[in-house]
């Protein structure tokens, strides 16, 4: 079943994080992605640009509205996503626990519609 591991973390300003720390986290994420791939569960992974590069589109009012980000005054923003295919919610949570992002932000584990329709998610 498919699950999205949605990585939420603070958005630091340019230069706020030392280069050595950035490099260490890049290596940790590379190792994590290799582990997911070696286990045969990785479907996709993406790092997202900062929320300032984001735009939303809506037609709720009947006319096109496009808004530039960021959209909310929050401490954390969606920073990346891993899509995995595992046996169930316990396996998804176990992979989320291993994610480097859990060390400085949160990892939201969300089943895709396929997993929900299969009846495999429970609280």
PDB file of N, CA and C in Angstrom:
ATOM      1  N   UNK A   1       0.829  -1.178   0.000  1.00  0.00           N
ATOM      2  CA  UNK A   1       0.000   0.000   0.000  1.00  0.00           C
ATOM      3  C   UNK A   1       0.878   1.246   0.000  1.00  0.00           C
ATOM      4  N   UNK A   2       0.372   2.264  -0.631  1.00  0.00           N
ATOM      5  CA  UNK A   2       1.148   3.494  -0.764  1.00  0.00           C
ATOM      6  C   UNK A   2       0.891   4.453   0.395  1.00  0.00           C
ATOM      7  N   UNK A   3       1.983   5.057   0.823  1.00  0.00           N
ATOM      8  CA  UNK A   3       1.938   6.082   1.859  1.00  0.00           C
ATOM      9  C   UNK A   3       2.848   7.213   1.440  1.00  0.00           C
ATOM     10  N   UNK A   4       2.455   8.425   1.776  1.00  0.00           N
ATOM     11  CA  UNK A   4       3.301   9.589   1.577  1.00  0.00           C
ATOM     12  C   UNK A   4       3.907   9.956   2.919  1.00  0.00           C
ATOM     13  N   UNK A   5       5.195  10.136   2.926  1.00  0.00           N
ATOM     14  CA  UNK A   5       5.882  10.673   4.092  1.00  0.00           C
ATOM     15  C   UNK A   5       6.134  12.140   3.759  1.00  0.00           C
ATOM     16  N   UNK A   6       5.357  13.009   4.388  1.00  0.00           N
ATOM     17  CA  UNK A   6       5.407  14.441   4.113  1.00  0.00           C
ATOM     18  C   UNK A   6       6.310  15.104   5.153  1.00  0.00           C
ATOM     19  N   UNK A   7       7.377  15.702   4.694  1.00  0.00           N
ATOM     20  CA  UNK A   7       8.376  16.270   5.591  1.00  0.00           C
ATOM     21  C   UNK A   7       8.076  17.740   5.834  1.00  0.00           C
ATOM     22  N   UNK A   8       7.817  18.070   7.089  1.00  0.00           N
ATOM     23  CA  UNK A   8       7.549  19.452   7.490  1.00  0.00           C
ATOM     24  C   UNK A   8       8.723  19.918   8.346  1.00  0.00           C
ATOM     25  N   UNK A   9       9.242  21.090   8.023  1.00  0.00           N
ATOM     26  CA  UNK A   9      10.368  21.591   8.802  1.00  0.00           C
ATOM     27  C   UNK A   9      10.391  23.112   8.743  1.00  0.00           C
ATOM     28  N   UNK A  10      11.126  23.714   9.672  1.00  0.00           N
ATOM     29  CA  UNK A  10      11.289  25.171   9.622  1.00  0.00           C
ATOM     30  C   UNK A  10      11.972  25.564   8.323  1.00  0.00           C
ATOM     31  N   UNK A  11      11.646  26.751   7.821  1.00  0.00           N
ATOM     32  CA  UNK A  11      12.310  27.278   6.628  1.00  0.00           C
ATOM     33  C   UNK A  11      13.351  28.301   7.066  1.00  0.00           C
ATOM     34  N   UNK A  12      14.607  27.884   7.092  1.00  0.00           N
ATOM     35  CA  UNK A  12      15.648  28.815   7.528  1.00  0.00           C
ATOM     36  C   UNK A  12      15.947  29.867   6.469  1.00  0.00           C
ATOM     37  N   UNK A  13      16.446  30.969   6.913  1.00  0.00           N
ATOM     38  CA  UNK A  13      16.903  32.019   5.995  1.00  0.00           C
ATOM     39  C   UNK A  13      18.216  31.582   5.364  1.00  0.00           C
ATOM     40  N   UNK A  14      18.542  32.184   4.245  1.00  0.00           N
ATOM     41  CA  UNK A  14      19.808  31.904   3.567  1.00  0.00           C
ATOM     42  C   UNK A  14      20.964  32.159   4.524  1.00  0.00           C
ATOM     43  N   UNK A  15      21.839  31.168   4.666  1.00  0.00           N
ATOM     44  CA  UNK A  15      23.010  31.291   5.521  1.00  0.00           C
ATOM     45  C   UNK A  15      22.753  31.008   6.994  1.00  0.00           C
ATOM     46  N   UNK A  16      21.510  30.732   7.360  1.00  0.00           N
ATOM     47  CA  UNK A  16      21.175  30.493   8.771  1.00  0.00           C
ATOM     48  C   UNK A  16      21.730  29.161   9.278  1.00  0.00           C
ATOM     49  N   UNK A  17      21.833  28.177   8.399  1.00  0.00           N
ATOM     50  CA  UNK A  17      22.354  26.862   8.776  1.00  0.00           C
ATOM     51  C   UNK A  17      23.770  26.731   8.237  1.00  0.00           C
ATOM     52  N   UNK A  18      24.715  26.339   9.079  1.00  0.00           N
ATOM     53  CA  UNK A  18      26.096  26.182   8.618  1.00  0.00           C
ATOM     54  C   UNK A  18      26.190  25.152   7.484  1.00  0.00           C
ATOM     55  N   UNK A  19      27.076  25.400   6.549  1.00  0.00           N
ATOM     56  CA  UNK A  19      27.250  24.534   5.381  1.00  0.00           C
ATOM     57  C   UNK A  19      27.548  23.085   5.780  1.00  0.00           C
ATOM     58  N   UNK A  20      28.325  22.889   6.849  1.00  0.00           N
ATOM     59  CA  UNK A  20      28.661  21.536   7.305  1.00  0.00           C
ATOM     60  C   UNK A  20      27.404  20.777   7.730  1.00  0.00           C
ATOM     61  N   UNK A  21      26.494  21.486   8.373  1.00  0.00           N
ATOM     62  CA  UNK A  21      25.244  20.865   8.825  1.00  0.00           C
ATOM     63  C   UNK A  21      24.357  20.505   7.623  1.00  0.00           C
ATOM     64  N   UNK A  22      24.313  21.366   6.631  1.00  0.00           N
ATOM     65  CA  UNK A  22      23.548  21.080   5.410  1.00  0.00           C
ATOM     66  C   UNK A  22      24.108  19.837   4.731  1.00  0.00           C
ATOM     67  N   UNK A  23      25.428  19.774   4.616  1.00  0.00           N
ATOM     68  CA  UNK A  23      26.076  18.626   3.981  1.00  0.00           C
ATOM     69  C   UNK A  23      25.782  17.344   4.750  1.00  0.00           C
ATOM     70  N   UNK A  24      25.826  17.400   6.073  1.00  0.00           N
ATOM     71  CA  UNK A  24      25.546  16.213   6.889  1.00  0.00           C
ATOM     72  C   UNK A  24      24.120  15.726   6.669  1.00  0.00           C
ATOM     73  N   UNK A  25      23.163  16.638   6.616  1.00  0.00           N
ATOM     74  CA  UNK A  25      21.779  16.223   6.381  1.00  0.00           C
ATOM     75  C   UNK A  25      21.586  15.703   4.958  1.00  0.00           C
ATOM     76  N   UNK A  26      22.263  16.291   3.983  1.00  0.00           N
ATOM     77  CA  UNK A  26      22.177  15.771   2.614  1.00  0.00           C
ATOM     78  C   UNK A  26      22.667  14.330   2.561  1.00  0.00           C
ATOM     79  N   UNK A  27      23.758  14.047   3.231  1.00  0.00           N
ATOM     80  CA  UNK A  27      24.281  12.676   3.274  1.00  0.00           C
ATOM     81  C   UNK A  27      23.304  11.747   3.998  1.00  0.00           C
ATOM     82  N   UNK A  28      22.706  12.227   5.080  1.00  0.00           N
ATOM     83  CA  UNK A  28      21.735  11.404   5.812  1.00  0.00           C
ATOM     84  C   UNK A  28      20.529  11.081   4.939  1.00  0.00           C
ATOM     85  N   UNK A  29      20.039  12.054   4.184  1.00  0.00           N
ATOM     86  CA  UNK A  29      18.908  11.811   3.287  1.00  0.00           C
ATOM     87  C   UNK A  29      19.286  10.877   2.141  1.00  0.00           C
ATOM     88  N   UNK A  30      20.491  11.011   1.630  1.00  0.00           N
ATOM     89  CA  UNK A  30      20.936  10.101   0.575  1.00  0.00           C
ATOM     90  C   UNK A  30      20.986   8.664   1.083  1.00  0.00           C
ATOM     91  N   UNK A  31      21.486   8.471   2.286  1.00  0.00           N
ATOM     92  CA  UNK A  31      21.539   7.136   2.879  1.00  0.00           C
ATOM     93  C   UNK A  31      20.131   6.593   3.116  1.00  0.00           C
ATOM     94  N   UNK A  32      19.243   7.451   3.597  1.00  0.00           N
ATOM     95  CA  UNK A  32      17.851   7.051   3.836  1.00  0.00           C
ATOM     96  C   UNK A  32      17.181   6.621   2.526  1.00  0.00           C
ATOM     97  N   UNK A  33      17.378   7.403   1.473  1.00  0.00           N
ATOM     98  CA  UNK A  33      16.796   7.063   0.173  1.00  0.00           C
ATOM     99  C   UNK A  33      17.382   5.757  -0.355  1.00  0.00           C
ATOM    100  N   UNK A  34      18.677   5.546  -0.171  1.00  0.00           N
ATOM    101  CA  UNK A  34      19.286   4.274  -0.588  1.00  0.00           C
ATOM    102  C   UNK A  34      18.686   3.107   0.173  1.00  0.00           C
ATOM    103  N   UNK A  35      18.443   3.291   1.483  1.00  0.00           N
ATOM    104  CA  UNK A  35      17.827   2.228   2.288  1.00  0.00           C
ATOM    105  C   UNK A  35      16.412   1.917   1.810  1.00  0.00           C
ATOM    106  N   UNK A  36      15.634   2.963   1.519  1.00  0.00           N
ATOM    107  CA  UNK A  36      14.280   2.759   1.000  1.00  0.00           C
ATOM    108  C   UNK A  36      14.328   2.011  -0.330  1.00  0.00           C
ATOM    109  N   UNK A  37      15.261   2.425  -1.188  1.00  0.00           N
ATOM    110  CA  UNK A  37      15.397   1.789  -2.502  1.00  0.00           C
ATOM    111  C   UNK A  37      15.851   0.332  -2.357  1.00  0.00           C
ATOM    112  N   UNK A  38      16.816   0.081  -1.485  1.00  0.00           N
ATOM    113  CA  UNK A  38      17.312  -1.283  -1.275  1.00  0.00           C
ATOM    114  C   UNK A  38      16.216  -2.203  -0.727  1.00  0.00           C
ATOM    115  N   UNK A  39      15.312  -1.634   0.062  1.00  0.00           N
ATOM    116  CA  UNK A  39      14.204  -2.418   0.616  1.00  0.00           C
ATOM    117  C   UNK A  39      13.091  -2.631  -0.413  1.00  0.00           C
ATOM    118  N   UNK A  40      13.202  -1.951  -1.547  1.00  0.00           N
ATOM    119  CA  UNK A  40      12.204  -2.097  -2.599  1.00  0.00           C
ATOM    120  C   UNK A  40      10.895  -1.385  -2.330  1.00  0.00           C
ATOM    121  N   UNK A  41      10.920  -0.341  -1.474  1.00  0.00           N
ATOM    122  CA  UNK A  41       9.676   0.351  -1.117  1.00  0.00           C
ATOM    123  C   UNK A  41       9.584   1.777  -1.653  1.00  0.00           C
ATOM    124  N   UNK A  42      10.683   2.313  -2.161  1.00  0.00           N
ATOM    125  CA  UNK A  42      10.680   3.699  -2.628  1.00  0.00           C
ATOM    126  C   UNK A  42      10.024   3.815  -3.998  1.00  0.00           C
ATOM    127  N   UNK A  43       8.986   4.643  -4.089  1.00  0.00           N
ATOM    128  CA  UNK A  43       8.340   4.925  -5.367  1.00  0.00           C
ATOM    129  C   UNK A  43       8.802   6.257  -5.936  1.00  0.00           C
ATOM    130  N   UNK A  44       8.943   7.263  -5.067  1.00  0.00           N
ATOM    131  CA  UNK A  44       9.452   8.559  -5.512  1.00  0.00           C
ATOM    132  C   UNK A  44       9.886   9.372  -4.300  1.00  0.00           C
ATOM    133  N   UNK A  45      10.685  10.394  -4.581  1.00  0.00           N
ATOM    134  CA  UNK A  45      11.142  11.306  -3.529  1.00  0.00           C
ATOM    135  C   UNK A  45      11.437  12.653  -4.160  1.00  0.00           C
ATOM    136  N   UNK A  46      11.029  13.703  -3.491  1.00  0.00           N
ATOM    137  CA  UNK A  46      11.277  15.053  -3.980  1.00  0.00           C
ATOM    138  C   UNK A  46      11.543  15.999  -2.829  1.00  0.00           C
ATOM    139  N   UNK A  47      12.511  16.881  -3.039  1.00  0.00           N
ATOM    140  CA  UNK A  47      12.753  17.998  -2.136  1.00  0.00           C
ATOM    141  C   UNK A  47      12.049  19.188  -2.769  1.00  0.00           C
ATOM    142  N   UNK A  48      11.325  19.942  -1.982  1.00  0.00           N
ATOM    143  CA  UNK A  48      10.570  21.074  -2.503  1.00  0.00           C
ATOM    144  C   UNK A  48      11.333  22.381  -2.328  1.00  0.00           C
ATOM    145  N   UNK A  49      11.127  23.287  -3.258  1.00  0.00           N
ATOM    146  CA  UNK A  49      11.680  24.634  -3.123  1.00  0.00           C
ATOM    147  C   UNK A  49      10.979  25.317  -1.944  1.00  0.00           C
ATOM    148  N   UNK A  50      11.530  26.405  -1.423  1.00  0.00           N
ATOM    149  CA  UNK A  50      10.901  27.114  -0.301  1.00  0.00           C
ATOM    150  C   UNK A  50       9.487  27.581  -0.647  1.00  0.00           C
ATOM    151  N   UNK A  51       8.708  27.835   0.385  1.00  0.00           N
ATOM    152  CA  UNK A  51       7.318  28.251   0.183  1.00  0.00           C
ATOM    153  C   UNK A  51       7.213  29.574  -0.571  1.00  0.00           C
ATOM    154  N   UNK A  52       8.276  30.357  -0.596  1.00  0.00           N
ATOM    155  CA  UNK A  52       8.254  31.610  -1.351  1.00  0.00           C
ATOM    156  C   UNK A  52       8.166  31.360  -2.860  1.00  0.00           C
ATOM    157  N   UNK A  53       8.498  30.149  -3.310  1.00  0.00           N
ATOM    158  CA  UNK A  53       8.423  29.799  -4.730  1.00  0.00           C
ATOM    159  C   UNK A  53       7.073  29.179  -5.091  1.00  0.00           C
ATOM    160  N   UNK A  54       6.182  29.092  -4.121  1.00  0.00           N
ATOM    161  CA  UNK A  54       4.912  28.408  -4.299  1.00  0.00           C
ATOM    162  C   UNK A  54       3.829  29.342  -4.815  1.00  0.00           C
ATOM    163  N   UNK A  55       2.893  28.771  -5.562  1.00  0.00           N
ATOM    164  CA  UNK A  55       1.697  29.498  -6.008  1.00  0.00           C
ATOM    165  C   UNK A  55       0.515  28.560  -5.856  1.00  0.00           C
ATOM    166  N   UNK A  56      -0.625  29.118  -5.521  1.00  0.00           N
ATOM    167  CA  UNK A  56      -1.847  28.318  -5.471  1.00  0.00           C
ATOM    168  C   UNK A  56      -2.816  28.836  -6.517  1.00  0.00           C
ATOM    169  N   UNK A  57      -3.649  27.927  -6.982  1.00  0.00           N
ATOM    170  CA  UNK A  57      -4.663  28.251  -7.980  1.00  0.00           C
ATOM    171  C   UNK A  57      -6.005  27.781  -7.437  1.00  0.00           C
ATOM    172  N   UNK A  58      -7.018  28.626  -7.526  1.00  0.00           N
ATOM    173  CA  UNK A  58      -8.364  28.233  -7.116  1.00  0.00           C
ATOM    174  C   UNK A  58      -9.391  28.858  -8.056  1.00  0.00           C
ATOM    175  N   UNK A  59     -10.490  28.167  -8.171  1.00  0.00           N
ATOM    176  CA  UNK A  59     -11.650  28.664  -8.920  1.00  0.00           C
ATOM    177  C   UNK A  59     -12.881  28.683  -8.014  1.00  0.00           C
ATOM    178  N   UNK A  60     -12.666  28.639  -6.688  1.00  0.00           N
ATOM    179  CA  UNK A  60     -13.780  28.570  -5.731  1.00  0.00           C
ATOM    180  C   UNK A  60     -14.793  29.693  -5.884  1.00  0.00           C
ATOM    181  N   UNK A  61     -14.326  30.850  -6.229  1.00  0.00           N
ATOM    182  CA  UNK A  61     -15.235  32.000  -6.358  1.00  0.00           C
ATOM    183  C   UNK A  61     -15.830  32.103  -7.762  1.00  0.00           C
ATOM    184  N   UNK A  62     -15.477  31.157  -8.626  1.00  0.00           N
ATOM    185  CA  UNK A  62     -15.966  31.191  -9.999  1.00  0.00           C
ATOM    186  C   UNK A  62     -15.020  31.866 -10.962  1.00  0.00           C
ATOM    187  N   UNK A  63     -14.005  32.529 -10.425  1.00  0.00           N
ATOM    188  CA  UNK A  63     -12.983  33.149 -11.268  1.00  0.00           C
ATOM    189  C   UNK A  63     -11.614  32.670 -10.814  1.00  0.00           C
ATOM    190  N   UNK A  64     -10.687  32.693 -11.727  1.00  0.00           N
ATOM    191  CA  UNK A  64      -9.336  32.245 -11.417  1.00  0.00           C
ATOM    192  C   UNK A  64      -8.673  33.186 -10.423  1.00  0.00           C
ATOM    193  N   UNK A  65      -8.117  32.603  -9.362  1.00  0.00           N
ATOM    194  CA  UNK A  65      -7.334  33.358  -8.398  1.00  0.00           C
ATOM    195  C   UNK A  65      -6.004  32.640  -8.218  1.00  0.00           C
ATOM    196  N   UNK A  66      -4.922  33.347  -8.410  1.00  0.00           N
ATOM    197  CA  UNK A  66      -3.579  32.814  -8.231  1.00  0.00           C
ATOM    198  C   UNK A  66      -2.926  33.607  -7.113  1.00  0.00           C
ATOM    199  N   UNK A  67      -2.374  32.902  -6.142  1.00  0.00           N
ATOM    200  CA  UNK A  67      -1.738  33.559  -5.001  1.00  0.00           C
ATOM    201  C   UNK A  67      -0.305  33.073  -4.869  1.00  0.00           C
ATOM    202  N   UNK A  68       0.608  34.007  -4.670  1.00  0.00           N
ATOM    203  CA  UNK A  68       2.004  33.665  -4.421  1.00  0.00           C
ATOM    204  C   UNK A  68       2.180  33.305  -2.959  1.00  0.00           C
ATOM    205  N   UNK A  69       3.094  32.376  -2.678  1.00  0.00           N
ATOM    206  CA  UNK A  69       3.377  31.970  -1.309  1.00  0.00           C
ATOM    207  C   UNK A  69       4.403  32.893  -0.680  1.00  0.00           C
ATOM    208  N   UNK A  70       4.647  32.737   0.594  1.00  0.00           N
ATOM    209  CA  UNK A  70       4.022  31.760   1.498  1.00  0.00           C
ATOM    210  C   UNK A  70       2.590  32.163   1.856  1.00  0.00           C
ATOM    211  N   UNK A  71       1.822  31.196   2.328  1.00  0.00           N
ATOM    212  CA  UNK A  71       0.389  31.379   2.501  1.00  0.00           C
ATOM    213  C   UNK A  71      -0.056  31.515   3.944  1.00  0.00           C
ATOM    214  N   UNK A  72       0.715  31.004   4.864  1.00  0.00           N
ATOM    215  CA  UNK A  72       0.329  31.073   6.268  1.00  0.00           C
ATOM    216  C   UNK A  72       1.564  31.402   7.095  1.00  0.00           C
ATOM    217  N   UNK A  73       1.346  32.047   8.189  1.00  0.00           N
ATOM    218  CA  UNK A  73       2.440  32.357   9.092  1.00  0.00           C
ATOM    219  C   UNK A  73       2.616  31.168  10.026  1.00  0.00           C
ATOM    220  N   UNK A  74       3.397  30.202   9.581  1.00  0.00           N
ATOM    221  CA  UNK A  74       3.621  29.000  10.368  1.00  0.00           C
ATOM    222  C   UNK A  74       5.104  28.835  10.619  1.00  0.00           C
ATOM    223  N   UNK A  75       5.426  28.024  11.590  1.00  0.00           N
ATOM    224  CA  UNK A  75       6.820  27.771  11.911  1.00  0.00           C
ATOM    225  C   UNK A  75       7.421  26.716  10.991  1.00  0.00           C
ATOM    226  N   UNK A  76       6.582  25.842  10.440  1.00  0.00           N
ATOM    227  CA  UNK A  76       7.069  24.780   9.576  1.00  0.00           C
ATOM    228  C   UNK A  76       6.353  24.818   8.237  1.00  0.00           C
ATOM    229  N   UNK A  77       7.045  24.363   7.207  1.00  0.00           N
ATOM    230  CA  UNK A  77       6.468  24.305   5.866  1.00  0.00           C
ATOM    231  C   UNK A  77       6.741  22.926   5.283  1.00  0.00           C
ATOM    232  N   UNK A  78       5.955  22.532   4.303  1.00  0.00           N
ATOM    233  CA  UNK A  78       6.183  21.274   3.603  1.00  0.00           C
ATOM    234  C   UNK A  78       7.489  21.403   2.839  1.00  0.00           C
ATOM    235  N   UNK A  79       8.450  20.538   3.139  1.00  0.00           N
ATOM    236  CA  UNK A  79       9.788  20.650   2.576  1.00  0.00           C
ATOM    237  C   UNK A  79      10.127  19.540   1.585  1.00  0.00           C
ATOM    238  N   UNK A  80       9.434  18.409   1.684  1.00  0.00           N
ATOM    239  CA  UNK A  80       9.740  17.294   0.800  1.00  0.00           C
ATOM    240  C   UNK A  80       8.750  16.179   0.985  1.00  0.00           C
ATOM    241  N   UNK A  81       8.869  15.172   0.123  1.00  0.00           N
ATOM    242  CA  UNK A  81       7.931  14.056   0.149  1.00  0.00           C
ATOM    243  C   UNK A  81       8.617  12.787  -0.332  1.00  0.00           C
ATOM    244  N   UNK A  82       8.348  11.708   0.361  1.00  0.00           N
ATOM    245  CA  UNK A  82       8.719  10.373  -0.089  1.00  0.00           C
ATOM    246  C   UNK A  82       7.417   9.616  -0.286  1.00  0.00           C
ATOM    247  N   UNK A  83       7.286   8.910  -1.382  1.00  0.00           N
ATOM    248  CA  UNK A  83       6.137   8.034  -1.599  1.00  0.00           C
ATOM    249  C   UNK A  83       6.679   6.613  -1.530  1.00  0.00           C
ATOM    250  N   UNK A  84       6.104   5.831  -0.614  1.00  0.00           N
ATOM    251  CA  UNK A  84       6.586   4.466  -0.402  1.00  0.00           C
ATOM    252  C   UNK A  84       5.441   3.476  -0.565  1.00  0.00           C
ATOM    253  N   UNK A  85       5.787   2.257  -0.850  1.00  0.00           N
ATOM    254  CA  UNK A  85       4.817   1.171  -0.975  1.00  0.00           C
ATOM    255  C   UNK A  85       5.241   0.088   0.002  1.00  0.00           C
ATOM    256  N   UNK A  86       4.485  -0.032   1.094  1.00  0.00           N
ATOM    257  CA  UNK A  86       4.833  -0.962   2.173  1.00  0.00           C
ATOM    258  C   UNK A  86       3.613  -1.809   2.540  1.00  0.00           C
ATOM    259  N   UNK A  87       3.813  -2.756   3.461  1.00  0.00           N
ATOM    260  CA  UNK A  87       2.762  -3.695   3.832  1.00  0.00           C
ATOM    261  C   UNK A  87       1.616  -3.090   4.626  1.00  0.00           C
ATOM    262  N   UNK A  88       1.820  -2.000   5.305  1.00  0.00           N
ATOM    263  CA  UNK A  88       0.748  -1.421   6.100  1.00  0.00           C
ATOM    264  C   UNK A  88       1.220  -0.240   6.910  1.00  0.00           C
ATOM    265  N   UNK A  89       0.341   0.301   7.759  1.00  0.00           N
ATOM    266  CA  UNK A  89       0.663   1.520   8.502  1.00  0.00           C
ATOM    267  C   UNK A  89       1.839   1.365   9.458  1.00  0.00           C
ATOM    268  N   UNK A  90       2.008   0.199  10.053  1.00  0.00           N
ATOM    269  CA  UNK A  90       3.139   0.019  10.966  1.00  0.00           C
ATOM    270  C   UNK A  90       4.469   0.136  10.235  1.00  0.00           C
ATOM    271  N   UNK A  91       4.526  -0.429   9.031  1.00  0.00           N
ATOM    272  CA  UNK A  91       5.753  -0.333   8.232  1.00  0.00           C
ATOM    273  C   UNK A  91       5.988   1.108   7.797  1.00  0.00           C
ATOM    274  N   UNK A  92       4.928   1.824   7.433  1.00  0.00           N
ATOM    275  CA  UNK A  92       5.067   3.226   7.043  1.00  0.00           C
ATOM    276  C   UNK A  92       5.586   4.058   8.212  1.00  0.00           C
ATOM    277  N   UNK A  93       5.049   3.820   9.400  1.00  0.00           N
ATOM    278  CA  UNK A  93       5.508   4.549  10.590  1.00  0.00           C
ATOM    279  C   UNK A  93       6.956   4.217  10.924  1.00  0.00           C
ATOM    280  N   UNK A  94       7.346   2.975  10.730  1.00  0.00           N
ATOM    281  CA  UNK A  94       8.729   2.581  10.991  1.00  0.00           C
ATOM    282  C   UNK A  94       9.695   3.312  10.052  1.00  0.00           C
ATOM    283  N   UNK A  95       9.324   3.447   8.778  1.00  0.00           N
ATOM    284  CA  UNK A  95      10.169   4.201   7.844  1.00  0.00           C
ATOM    285  C   UNK A  95      10.181   5.680   8.209  1.00  0.00           C
ATOM    286  N   UNK A  96       9.059   6.223   8.636  1.00  0.00           N
ATOM    287  CA  UNK A  96       9.007   7.628   9.039  1.00  0.00           C
ATOM    288  C   UNK A  96       9.932   7.884  10.223  1.00  0.00           C
ATOM    289  N   UNK A  97       9.979   6.953  11.136  1.00  0.00           N
ATOM    290  CA  UNK A  97      10.843   7.090  12.305  1.00  0.00           C
ATOM    291  C   UNK A  97      12.315   7.157  11.903  1.00  0.00           C
ATOM    292  N   UNK A  98      12.681   6.470  10.843  1.00  0.00           N
ATOM    293  CA  UNK A  98      14.069   6.447  10.371  1.00  0.00           C
ATOM    294  C   UNK A  98      14.427   7.679   9.541  1.00  0.00           C
ATOM    295  N   UNK A  99      13.442   8.470   9.140  1.00  0.00           N
ATOM    296  CA  UNK A  99      13.682   9.616   8.273  1.00  0.00           C
ATOM    297  C   UNK A  99      14.487  10.694   8.998  1.00  0.00           C
ATOM    298  N   UNK A 100      15.544  11.203   8.371  1.00  0.00           N
ATOM    299  CA  UNK A 100      16.331  12.264   9.012  1.00  0.00           C
ATOM    300  C   UNK A 100      15.503  13.492   9.377  1.00  0.00           C
ATOM    301  N   UNK A 101      14.446  13.762   8.635  1.00  0.00           N
ATOM    302  CA  UNK A 101      13.617  14.928   8.912  1.00  0.00           C
ATOM    303  C   UNK A 101      12.940  14.891  10.261  1.00  0.00           C
ATOM    304  N   UNK A 102      12.770  13.708  10.825  1.00  0.00           N
ATOM    305  CA  UNK A 102      12.145  13.584  12.146  1.00  0.00           C
ATOM    306  C   UNK A 102      13.040  14.161  13.244  1.00  0.00           C
ATOM    307  N   UNK A 103      14.316  14.375  12.941  1.00  0.00           N
ATOM    308  CA  UNK A 103      15.252  14.920  13.929  1.00  0.00           C
ATOM    309  C   UNK A 103      15.098  16.422  14.129  1.00  0.00           C
ATOM    310  N   UNK A 104      14.555  17.129  13.137  1.00  0.00           N
ATOM    311  CA  UNK A 104      14.448  18.587  13.263  1.00  0.00           C
ATOM    312  C   UNK A 104      13.086  19.127  12.842  1.00  0.00           C
ATOM    313  N   UNK A 105      12.206  18.264  12.406  1.00  0.00           N
ATOM    314  CA  UNK A 105      10.862  18.670  11.997  1.00  0.00           C
ATOM    315  C   UNK A 105       9.897  17.536  12.287  1.00  0.00           C
ATOM    316  N   UNK A 106       8.874  17.441  11.481  1.00  0.00           N
ATOM    317  CA  UNK A 106       7.925  16.346  11.641  1.00  0.00           C
ATOM    318  C   UNK A 106       7.773  15.615  10.316  1.00  0.00           C
ATOM    319  N   UNK A 107       7.441  14.335  10.424  1.00  0.00           N
ATOM    320  CA  UNK A 107       7.167  13.518   9.248  1.00  0.00           C
ATOM    321  C   UNK A 107       5.717  13.077   9.355  1.00  0.00           C
ATOM    322  N   UNK A 108       4.904  13.609   8.483  1.00  0.00           N
ATOM    323  CA  UNK A 108       3.488  13.241   8.438  1.00  0.00           C
ATOM    324  C   UNK A 108       3.357  11.986   7.581  1.00  0.00           C
ATOM    325  N   UNK A 109       2.720  10.959   8.121  1.00  0.00           N
ATOM    326  CA  UNK A 109       2.511   9.705   7.394  1.00  0.00           C
ATOM    327  C   UNK A 109       1.060   9.684   6.949  1.00  0.00           C
ATOM    328  N   UNK A 110       0.864   9.748   5.639  1.00  0.00           N
ATOM    329  CA  UNK A 110      -0.493   9.814   5.120  1.00  0.00           C
ATOM    330  C   UNK A 110      -0.696   8.739   4.053  1.00  0.00           C
ATOM    331  N   UNK A 111      -1.705   7.880   4.255  1.00  0.00           N
ATOM    332  CA  UNK A 111      -1.975   6.876   3.229  1.00  0.00           C
ATOM    333  C   UNK A 111      -2.551   7.545   1.992  1.00  0.00           C
ATOM    334  N   UNK A 112      -2.241   6.985   0.849  1.00  0.00           N
ATOM    335  CA  UNK A 112      -2.851   7.488  -0.372  1.00  0.00           C
ATOM    336  C   UNK A 112      -4.258   6.910  -0.468  1.00  0.00           C
ATOM    337  N   UNK A 113      -5.031   7.377  -1.423  1.00  0.00           N
ATOM    338  CA  UNK A 113      -6.398   6.879  -1.580  1.00  0.00           C
ATOM    339  C   UNK A 113      -6.402   5.374  -1.786  1.00  0.00           C
ATOM    340  N   UNK A 114      -5.393   4.840  -2.435  1.00  0.00           N
ATOM    341  CA  UNK A 114      -5.311   3.395  -2.645  1.00  0.00           C
ATOM    342  C   UNK A 114      -5.267   2.668  -1.307  1.00  0.00           C
ATOM    343  N   UNK A 115      -4.438   3.154  -0.366  1.00  0.00           N
ATOM    344  CA  UNK A 115      -4.334   2.499   0.940  1.00  0.00           C
ATOM    345  C   UNK A 115      -5.635   2.636   1.716  1.00  0.00           C
ATOM    346  N   UNK A 116      -6.275   3.791   1.643  1.00  0.00           N
ATOM    347  CA  UNK A 116      -7.532   3.999   2.351  1.00  0.00           C
ATOM    348  C   UNK A 116      -8.610   3.080   1.775  1.00  0.00           C
ATOM    349  N   UNK A 117      -8.685   2.996   0.466  1.00  0.00           N
ATOM    350  CA  UNK A 117      -9.703   2.157  -0.177  1.00  0.00           C
ATOM    351  C   UNK A 117      -9.477   0.686   0.126  1.00  0.00           C
ATOM    352  N   UNK A 118      -8.224   0.304   0.334  1.00  0.00           N
ATOM    353  CA  UNK A 118      -7.922  -1.087   0.688  1.00  0.00           C
ATOM    354  C   UNK A 118      -8.284  -1.391   2.132  1.00  0.00           C
ATOM    355  N   UNK A 119      -8.667  -0.372   2.908  1.00  0.00           N
ATOM    356  CA  UNK A 119      -9.051  -0.568   4.304  1.00  0.00           C
ATOM    357  C   UNK A 119      -7.882  -0.897   5.207  1.00  0.00           C
ATOM    358  N   UNK A 120      -6.693  -0.449   4.863  1.00  0.00           N
ATOM    359  CA  UNK A 120      -5.509  -0.823   5.612  1.00  0.00           C
ATOM    360  C   UNK A 120      -5.073   0.221   6.647  1.00  0.00           C
ATOM    361  N   UNK A 121      -5.764   1.322   6.747  1.00  0.00           N
ATOM    362  CA  UNK A 121      -5.339   2.351   7.717  1.00  0.00           C
ATOM    363  C   UNK A 121      -6.242   2.303   8.919  1.00  0.00           C
ATOM    364  N   UNK A 122      -5.648   2.263  10.073  1.00  0.00           N
ATOM    365  CA  UNK A 122      -6.440   2.328  11.302  1.00  0.00           C
ATOM    366  C   UNK A 122      -5.742   3.253  12.269  1.00  0.00           C
ATOM    367  N   UNK A 123      -6.518   3.797  13.197  1.00  0.00           N
ATOM    368  CA  UNK A 123      -5.919   4.755  14.126  1.00  0.00           C
ATOM    369  C   UNK A 123      -5.386   4.055  15.350  1.00  0.00           C
TER     370      UNK A 123
END
